[in-house]
Protein backbone atom coordinates (compact mmCIF):
# COMPACT_ATOMS: atom_id res chain seq x y z
CA MET A 1 136.59 85.64 57.28
CA SER A 2 135.98 85.84 53.56
CA ASN A 3 138.32 88.84 53.28
CA VAL A 4 141.09 86.99 55.10
CA ILE A 5 140.81 83.97 52.79
CA TYR A 6 140.70 86.28 49.77
CA VAL A 7 143.92 88.02 50.84
CA LEU A 8 145.65 84.75 51.67
CA ASN A 9 144.60 83.33 48.31
CA ALA A 10 145.92 86.40 46.49
CA ALA A 11 149.23 86.12 48.35
CA SER A 12 149.49 82.38 47.70
CA VAL A 13 148.92 82.76 43.95
CA GLY A 14 151.64 85.42 43.90
CA VAL A 15 154.09 83.05 45.61
CA PHE A 16 152.93 80.26 43.27
CA GLY A 17 153.69 82.30 40.15
CA ILE A 18 157.04 83.63 41.40
CA LEU A 19 158.44 80.28 42.54
CA LEU A 20 157.14 78.38 39.50
CA SER A 21 158.52 80.96 37.06
CA ALA A 22 161.90 80.77 38.79
CA SER A 23 161.87 76.95 38.71
CA PHE A 24 161.38 77.06 34.92
CA CYS A 25 164.70 78.91 34.51
CA GLU A 26 168.03 77.06 34.34
CA LEU A 27 169.88 78.70 37.22
CA ASP A 28 172.48 77.75 39.79
CA TRP A 29 170.58 78.71 42.92
CA THR A 30 173.40 80.09 45.02
CA PRO A 31 172.62 81.59 48.46
CA ALA A 32 172.89 85.08 46.95
CA ARG A 33 170.32 84.28 44.26
CA ARG A 34 168.00 82.67 46.79
CA ARG A 35 168.16 85.79 48.93
CA ALA A 36 167.54 88.00 45.88
CA LEU A 37 164.49 85.93 44.89
CA ALA A 38 163.15 85.97 48.46
CA ALA A 39 163.60 89.73 48.78
CA SER A 40 162.01 90.33 45.39
CA SER A 41 159.07 88.11 46.33
CA VAL A 42 158.50 90.09 49.50
CA LEU A 43 158.64 93.36 47.57
CA LEU A 44 156.21 92.11 44.93
CA LEU A 45 153.78 90.85 47.55
CA ALA A 46 154.05 94.14 49.43
CA LEU A 47 153.36 96.04 46.19
CA GLN A 48 150.31 93.87 45.56
CA GLY A 49 149.14 94.42 49.12
CA PHE A 50 149.47 98.16 48.74
CA PHE A 51 147.26 98.20 45.66
CA TYR A 52 144.78 95.80 47.28
CA LEU A 53 144.43 98.24 50.20
CA THR A 54 144.27 101.42 48.14
CA SER A 55 142.40 100.33 45.01
CA SER A 56 139.39 98.29 43.99
CA GLY A 57 139.64 94.64 43.02
CA GLY A 58 139.02 95.44 39.34
CA THR A 59 141.82 98.00 39.31
CA VAL A 60 144.25 95.52 40.91
CA LYS A 61 143.42 92.90 38.28
CA ALA A 62 143.95 95.42 35.49
CA LEU A 63 147.31 96.50 36.92
CA TYR A 64 148.47 92.99 37.86
CA PRO A 65 150.59 92.48 34.69
CA PHE A 66 152.46 95.73 35.48
CA ILE A 67 152.91 95.28 39.23
CA THR A 68 153.70 91.54 39.19
CA HIS A 69 154.40 89.94 35.83
CA LEU A 70 156.58 92.70 34.36
CA PRO A 71 158.81 93.04 37.48
CA LEU A 72 159.08 89.25 37.68
CA PHE A 73 160.13 89.08 34.02
CA LEU A 74 162.78 91.76 34.57
CA LEU A 75 164.08 89.92 37.66
CA LEU A 76 164.44 86.61 35.79
CA PHE A 77 165.99 88.37 32.80
CA ALA A 78 168.57 89.96 35.10
CA MET A 79 169.35 86.57 36.66
CA THR A 80 169.49 84.47 33.49
CA GLY A 81 170.41 86.95 30.78
CA LYS A 82 167.81 85.28 28.52
CA CYS A 83 165.07 87.66 27.46
CA VAL A 84 162.88 85.24 25.47
CA TRP A 85 163.02 82.41 27.95
CA SER A 86 162.35 84.66 30.96
CA LEU A 87 159.15 85.84 29.24
CA VAL A 88 158.21 82.25 28.35
CA ALA A 89 158.77 81.16 31.97
CA VAL A 90 156.43 83.85 33.33
CA LEU A 91 153.73 83.13 30.74
CA THR A 92 153.94 79.37 31.32
CA ALA A 93 153.65 79.83 35.08
CA TYR A 94 150.58 82.01 34.53
CA LEU A 95 149.09 79.28 32.35
CA CYS A 96 149.68 76.77 35.15
CA CYS A 97 147.76 79.04 37.53
CA GLN A 98 144.67 78.23 35.51
CA LEU A 99 144.80 74.67 36.86
CA ARG A 100 143.96 75.72 40.41
CA ARG A 101 141.28 78.13 39.22
CA TRP A 102 139.60 75.55 37.00
CA ILE A 103 139.54 72.91 39.75
CA ALA A 104 138.02 75.48 42.11
CA LEU A 105 135.36 76.34 39.52
CA LEU A 106 134.61 72.64 39.16
CA VAL A 107 134.04 72.41 42.92
CA ILE A 108 131.73 75.46 42.71
CA ALA A 109 129.78 73.73 39.95
CA PHE A 110 128.98 70.90 42.38
CA PHE A 111 128.46 73.18 45.40
CA PRO A 112 127.10 76.46 43.99
CA SER A 113 126.00 77.70 47.40
CA GLY A 114 129.63 78.05 48.46
CA GLY A 115 130.10 81.09 46.26
CA SER A 116 133.34 83.03 46.02
CA LEU A 117 134.36 82.01 49.55
CA LEU A 118 134.48 78.32 48.60
CA GLN A 119 136.33 79.16 45.38
CA ASP A 120 139.01 81.17 47.23
CA ALA A 121 139.35 78.46 49.90
CA THR A 122 139.69 75.70 47.28
CA GLU A 123 142.31 77.65 45.35
CA LEU A 124 144.22 78.35 48.56
CA LEU A 125 144.22 74.66 49.55
CA LEU A 126 145.34 73.58 46.08
CA THR A 127 148.12 76.13 45.62
CA PHE A 128 151.08 74.60 47.43
CA PRO A 129 150.41 70.88 46.71
CA LEU A 130 150.03 71.80 43.03
CA LEU A 131 153.18 73.93 43.19
CA TYR A 132 155.14 70.99 44.62
CA VAL A 133 153.92 68.63 41.90
CA LEU A 134 154.75 71.09 39.12
CA ILE A 135 158.22 71.91 40.44
CA ARG A 136 159.01 68.27 41.17
CA TYR A 137 157.79 66.65 37.95
CA VAL A 138 157.16 69.33 35.30
CA SER A 139 159.86 71.95 35.80
CA PRO A 140 162.82 69.74 34.72
CA SER A 141 161.16 69.09 31.35
CA VAL A 142 160.27 72.75 30.87
CA ARG A 143 163.80 73.85 31.81
CA SER A 144 165.28 71.54 29.17
CA ILE A 145 163.48 73.54 26.46
CA SER A 146 165.52 76.61 27.45
CA HIS A 147 168.54 74.91 25.85
CA TYR A 148 166.76 74.60 22.49
CA SER A 149 166.93 77.16 19.70
CA ARG A 150 165.15 80.48 20.06
CA ALA A 151 162.65 79.42 17.40
CA MET A 152 161.73 76.36 19.46
CA GLN A 153 161.40 78.49 22.61
CA LEU A 154 159.06 80.87 20.78
CA GLN A 155 156.95 77.96 19.56
CA PHE A 156 156.72 76.62 23.10
CA GLY A 157 155.74 80.04 24.47
CA LEU A 158 153.11 80.78 21.81
CA LEU A 159 150.26 78.89 23.50
CA PRO A 160 150.89 80.43 26.97
CA LEU A 161 151.05 83.86 25.31
CA LEU A 162 147.71 83.34 23.57
CA GLY A 163 146.14 82.06 26.78
CA TYR A 164 147.49 85.04 28.71
CA GLY A 165 146.22 87.54 26.16
CA PHE A 166 142.84 85.83 25.88
CA ASP A 167 142.35 85.78 29.65
CA TYR A 168 143.10 89.46 30.15
CA ILE A 169 141.32 90.73 27.01
CA THR A 170 138.08 88.76 27.53
CA ARG A 171 137.89 88.67 31.36
CA VAL A 172 139.83 91.59 32.82
CA TYR A 173 139.86 94.45 30.33
CA THR A 174 136.49 93.55 28.76
CA ASN A 175 133.54 91.29 29.56
CA LEU A 176 133.42 89.60 26.13
CA LEU A 177 133.53 86.09 27.62
CA ALA A 178 130.87 86.82 30.25
CA THR A 179 128.49 88.25 27.65
CA GLY A 180 128.87 85.18 25.45
CA ASN A 181 130.58 86.86 22.50
CA GLN A 182 130.88 84.07 19.93
CA ALA A 183 134.34 85.08 18.73
CA ALA A 184 135.60 85.07 22.34
CA VAL A 185 133.88 81.80 23.22
CA GLU A 186 135.27 80.02 20.16
CA PHE A 187 138.77 81.51 20.33
CA MET A 188 140.36 78.93 22.65
CA PRO A 189 138.88 75.95 20.73
CA PHE A 190 140.38 77.60 17.63
CA VAL A 191 143.74 77.90 19.38
CA CYS A 192 143.58 74.25 20.48
CA SER A 193 142.77 73.11 16.94
CA SER A 194 145.59 75.19 15.48
CA ALA A 195 148.01 73.93 18.12
CA TYR A 196 146.98 70.34 17.39
CA LEU A 197 147.54 70.78 13.64
CA ALA A 198 150.92 72.41 14.28
CA PHE A 199 151.79 69.52 16.60
CA VAL A 200 150.87 66.99 13.90
CA LEU A 201 152.97 68.78 11.29
CA ARG A 202 155.91 69.12 13.66
CA THR A 203 155.69 65.51 14.78
CA THR A 204 155.50 64.27 11.18
CA LYS A 205 158.54 66.31 10.23
CA GLU A 206 160.52 65.07 13.21
CA GLU A 207 159.47 61.49 12.48
CA ARG A 208 160.76 61.82 8.92
CA MET A 209 164.02 63.26 10.20
CA ARG A 210 164.30 60.46 12.75
CA GLY A 211 163.73 57.90 10.00
CA GLN A 212 166.44 59.50 7.88
CA LEU A 213 168.83 59.50 10.83
CA GLU A 214 168.06 55.84 11.50
CA GLN A 215 168.77 55.00 7.87
CA THR A 216 172.00 56.97 7.97
CA GLN A 217 173.03 55.26 11.20
CA ASN A 218 172.15 51.88 9.78
CA SER A 219 174.15 52.63 6.63
CA LEU A 220 177.15 53.69 8.69
CA ASN A 221 176.89 50.58 10.86
CA LEU A 222 176.76 48.39 7.76
CA GLN A 223 179.75 50.14 6.23
CA ILE A 224 181.68 49.74 9.46
CA ALA A 225 180.72 46.07 9.76
CA GLN A 226 181.66 45.46 6.13
CA ALA A 227 184.96 47.29 6.59
CA VAL A 228 185.71 45.16 9.66
CA ARG A 229 184.98 41.97 7.70
CA GLU A 230 187.18 43.14 4.83
CA ILE A 231 190.00 44.00 7.22
CA ASP A 232 189.69 40.58 8.85
CA ALA A 233 189.80 38.96 5.41
CA LEU A 234 192.90 40.96 4.48
CA ARG A 235 194.55 40.05 7.78
CA GLU A 236 193.83 36.41 7.15
CA SER A 237 195.26 36.67 3.63
CA GLN A 238 198.35 38.42 4.97
CA ARG A 239 198.77 35.78 7.65
CA LYS A 240 198.57 33.00 5.09
CA ALA A 241 200.92 34.85 2.72
CA SER A 242 203.40 35.31 5.55
CA THR A 243 203.14 31.61 6.33
CA TYR A 244 203.72 30.69 2.68
CA ARG A 245 206.75 32.98 2.48
CA HIS A 246 208.12 31.42 5.64
CA ASP A 247 207.52 27.91 4.33
CA LEU A 248 208.68 28.68 0.78
CA ARG A 249 212.25 27.55 1.54
CA HIS A 250 210.97 24.22 2.86
CA HIS A 251 208.73 23.77 -0.18
CA LEU A 252 211.63 24.42 -2.55
CA GLN A 253 213.89 22.05 -0.63
CA TYR A 254 211.29 19.29 -0.83
CA ILE A 255 210.70 19.88 -4.55
CA SER A 256 214.47 19.93 -5.20
CA ALA A 257 214.90 16.67 -3.32
CA CYS A 258 212.11 15.04 -5.35
CA ILE A 259 213.72 16.16 -8.62
CA GLU A 260 217.20 14.99 -7.54
CA ASN A 261 215.78 11.56 -6.72
CA GLY A 262 213.84 11.36 -9.99
CA ARG A 263 210.44 11.73 -8.37
CA THR A 264 209.13 14.32 -10.81
CA GLU A 265 205.49 13.22 -10.48
CA ALA A 266 205.63 13.68 -6.71
CA ALA A 267 207.19 17.12 -7.21
CA GLN A 268 204.44 18.11 -9.64
CA GLU A 269 201.69 16.90 -7.28
CA TYR A 270 203.27 18.85 -4.45
CA ILE A 271 203.45 21.99 -6.60
CA HIS A 272 199.78 21.58 -7.57
CA SER A 273 198.72 21.21 -3.93
CA VAL A 274 200.61 24.36 -2.88
CA CYS A 275 199.06 26.32 -5.77
CA ALA A 276 195.59 25.12 -4.79
CA GLN A 277 196.12 26.35 -1.22
CA ILE A 278 197.25 29.75 -2.47
CA GLU A 279 194.33 29.96 -4.90
CA ALA A 280 191.83 29.17 -2.14
CA SER A 281 193.08 32.06 0.01
CA LYS A 282 192.54 34.87 -2.50
CA VAL A 283 189.40 36.96 -2.98
CA THR A 284 187.21 35.46 -5.68
CA ALA A 285 186.84 37.74 -8.71
CA TYR A 286 183.10 37.78 -9.35
CA CYS A 287 183.24 40.93 -11.50
CA GLU A 288 185.40 43.96 -12.33
CA ASN A 289 184.12 46.06 -9.44
CA GLU A 290 186.48 45.66 -6.46
CA ALA A 291 183.94 46.80 -3.84
CA ALA A 292 181.35 44.31 -5.11
CA ASN A 293 183.99 41.54 -5.14
CA LEU A 294 184.87 42.17 -1.51
CA ILE A 295 181.20 42.19 -0.47
CA PHE A 296 180.38 39.02 -2.44
CA SER A 297 183.48 37.24 -1.06
CA SER A 298 182.62 38.24 2.50
CA PHE A 299 179.03 36.99 2.26
CA ALA A 300 180.13 33.87 0.38
CA ALA A 301 182.35 32.95 3.34
CA ARG A 302 179.50 33.56 5.78
CA ALA A 303 177.11 31.53 3.63
CA GLU A 304 179.56 28.63 3.45
CA HIS A 305 179.96 28.71 7.21
CA SER A 306 176.15 28.58 7.62
CA GLY A 307 175.68 25.81 5.05
CA ILE A 308 173.88 28.08 2.56
CA ASP A 309 174.28 27.59 -1.18
CA PHE A 310 175.57 31.00 -2.32
CA ARG A 311 175.55 31.72 -6.05
CA VAL A 312 176.71 34.88 -7.83
CA HIS A 313 176.39 35.81 -11.50
CA ALA A 314 177.77 39.34 -11.72
CA ALA A 315 179.02 41.60 -14.48
CA ILE A 316 179.47 44.87 -12.58
CA PRO A 317 181.98 47.32 -14.07
CA GLN A 318 184.37 49.39 -12.01
CA VAL A 319 182.52 52.66 -12.78
CA LEU A 320 178.88 52.82 -11.63
CA PRO A 321 176.22 55.55 -11.36
CA LEU A 322 176.52 55.39 -7.55
CA PRO A 323 179.50 55.59 -5.17
CA ASP A 324 181.03 52.52 -3.53
CA SER A 325 179.59 53.54 -0.13
CA ASP A 326 175.99 53.33 -1.41
CA LEU A 327 176.77 50.14 -3.36
CA CYS A 328 178.12 48.64 -0.15
CA VAL A 329 174.96 49.57 1.80
CA LEU A 330 172.70 48.31 -1.00
CA LEU A 331 174.39 44.92 -1.48
CA SER A 332 175.13 44.38 2.21
CA ASN A 333 171.54 45.04 3.29
CA ALA A 334 170.08 42.82 0.57
CA LEU A 335 172.53 39.95 1.13
CA GLU A 336 172.26 40.28 4.92
CA ASN A 337 168.49 39.81 4.72
CA ALA A 338 168.92 36.91 2.29
CA LEU A 339 171.41 35.16 4.61
CA HIS A 340 169.10 35.65 7.60
CA ALA A 341 166.32 34.00 5.63
CA GLY A 342 168.71 31.20 4.64
CA GLU A 343 169.70 30.60 8.26
CA ARG A 344 166.03 30.40 9.15
CA GLN A 345 165.54 27.86 6.35
CA ARG A 346 168.45 25.75 7.64
CA LYS A 347 167.06 25.75 11.18
CA ALA A 348 163.76 24.49 9.78
CA GLY A 349 165.60 21.69 7.95
CA LYS A 350 164.81 23.09 4.50
CA PRO A 351 167.10 23.95 1.58
CA ALA A 352 168.70 27.38 1.62
CA ILE A 353 169.86 29.01 -1.61
CA VAL A 354 170.87 32.62 -2.22
CA ASP A 355 171.21 33.51 -5.89
CA THR A 356 172.49 36.93 -7.00
CA THR A 357 172.43 38.32 -10.53
CA ALA A 358 173.89 41.75 -11.22
CA TYR A 359 174.88 43.58 -14.39
CA GLU A 360 175.16 47.04 -15.88
CA LYS A 361 173.46 48.04 -19.14
CA GLY A 362 172.95 51.43 -20.69
CA GLY A 363 174.37 53.23 -17.67
CA ARG A 364 171.91 51.52 -15.30
CA LEU A 365 172.62 48.89 -12.68
CA PHE A 366 170.29 45.90 -12.51
CA LEU A 367 170.29 43.66 -9.47
CA GLN A 368 168.23 40.60 -8.54
CA ILE A 369 168.68 38.64 -5.32
CA SER A 370 166.55 35.59 -4.67
CA ASN A 371 166.58 33.35 -1.63
CA SER A 372 164.67 30.30 -0.48
CA CYS A 373 161.68 31.29 1.61
CA ASN A 374 159.12 28.76 2.89
CA PHE A 375 157.62 31.03 5.54
CA PRO A 376 155.05 33.85 5.15
CA VAL A 377 156.15 37.44 4.54
CA GLN A 378 154.03 40.51 5.30
CA PHE A 379 153.95 43.41 2.85
CA ASP A 380 152.61 46.93 3.30
CA ALA A 381 150.39 48.77 0.83
CA ALA A 382 153.45 49.81 -1.23
CA GLY A 383 154.62 46.20 -1.56
CA VAL A 384 157.52 46.58 0.88
CA PRO A 385 158.09 43.76 3.40
CA THR A 386 157.36 44.71 7.00
CA THR A 387 158.10 43.19 10.39
CA SER A 388 156.97 43.82 13.95
CA GLN A 389 160.27 42.69 15.46
CA PRO A 390 162.16 45.57 17.12
CA GLY A 391 165.40 46.56 15.40
CA HIS A 392 164.43 44.86 12.14
CA GLY A 393 163.29 46.43 8.89
CA LEU A 394 165.95 49.14 8.82
CA GLY A 395 167.83 47.35 6.04
CA VAL A 396 164.78 47.33 3.77
CA ARG A 397 164.20 51.03 4.44
CA SER A 398 167.83 51.77 3.58
CA ILE A 399 167.50 49.88 0.30
CA CYS A 400 164.37 51.81 -0.61
CA ALA A 401 165.94 55.14 0.35
CA ILE A 402 169.05 54.58 -1.79
CA VAL A 403 167.04 53.41 -4.81
CA GLN A 404 164.73 56.43 -4.51
CA GLN A 405 167.73 58.74 -4.11
CA TYR A 406 168.98 57.73 -7.57
CA GLY A 407 165.55 57.70 -9.18
CA GLY A 408 165.49 53.92 -9.52
CA MET A 409 162.87 51.25 -9.04
CA TYR A 410 162.57 48.29 -6.68
CA THR A 411 160.18 45.39 -6.25
CA PHE A 412 159.79 42.80 -3.50
CA ALA A 413 157.90 39.60 -4.21
CA LEU A 414 157.32 36.11 -2.84
CA GLN A 415 156.92 33.58 -5.67
CA GLN A 416 156.97 29.78 -5.41
CA ASP A 417 158.94 29.61 -2.16
CA GLN A 418 161.39 32.22 -3.47
CA PHE A 419 161.74 35.74 -2.12
CA LEU A 420 162.77 38.10 -4.90
CA LEU A 421 164.32 41.55 -4.72
CA ARG A 422 164.73 43.38 -8.02
CA ILE A 423 166.45 46.75 -8.30
CA ALA A 424 167.12 49.00 -11.27
CA LEU A 425 168.94 52.29 -10.86
């Protein structure tokens, strides 16, 4: 009975490794490929059976990589054309085989009288349910890694490779683990520690890259939003200009009639009113810099619509130490946050003022934006305001990133119900 269970267990683990390795490969499983995999599985199992019948158990274990793993690797390589990933798939499947063995050893720990028969029976019972779970839930994620770069595939396959080598060197080809060799006993904890440190470094790097991508995306979104507002403002100006051109003949006729009838004062008043309408439609010139003027004008219109007192004292020249795109992101983020705070003030029935001062001196740009703020603000250890609301805080990070990019300085402060942002770059 024990021999039958042993043989069935050996056959089941062979099927487990073959099917799981194949499921880790990105393949279109046509009928021809299914038949090739089935035929290869039968041949591999027959080869294993031959060695089980003609050799000792120790010899079979020593030859197993050559009579099973190597042919399986060559088969997957022939099917996929991917050498590295075929090897990773086989090694990862072997690593997954340790799950069934460890659970069986755990059962033996509770029922030591069962011996090897109970271990083989437990492994046999676990094989196909575990195979279903792995193929159903794990294989899709593993397959997706095959589309990554070769360097990423090698990183993913490093731990299975170390586990494979450790298992065969310390358990099959030697008895280092059984004799309690300290280097062998401590090797896998060392591998786990190294893998954890590598994971931390990799995760930190990816998090930094993700933050940079978020800042870039936020900057692009702001530039697009600002461009849309500027286009809308230009369209509105063009519409009004077209209306004035269309009505110019009527204006001149009315003025001419007033002059002919001696109503010069009425003609002058009418001319003044038309000029005032034209003056109100143009972009306010806050400074020499055209990009800054457009941004200030756009936010001034939004502030007026929201009932916020918007003040600008700017002396920004046309040429600056940063391009217009970064100036747009810097001003738009700062003023956007200030207007949001002003809208919050208005909803609370409190005064809302946004005051901007900007000038250039000695080749450096100095900017201060203050806004009314009667509510608490949280700051991190670096003095940067933080928020727990999803989707918020990207603007502040973009401001900090741009200032740091040009070797500048920034400060955020809350003083006497005023939130202050000061920038020098």
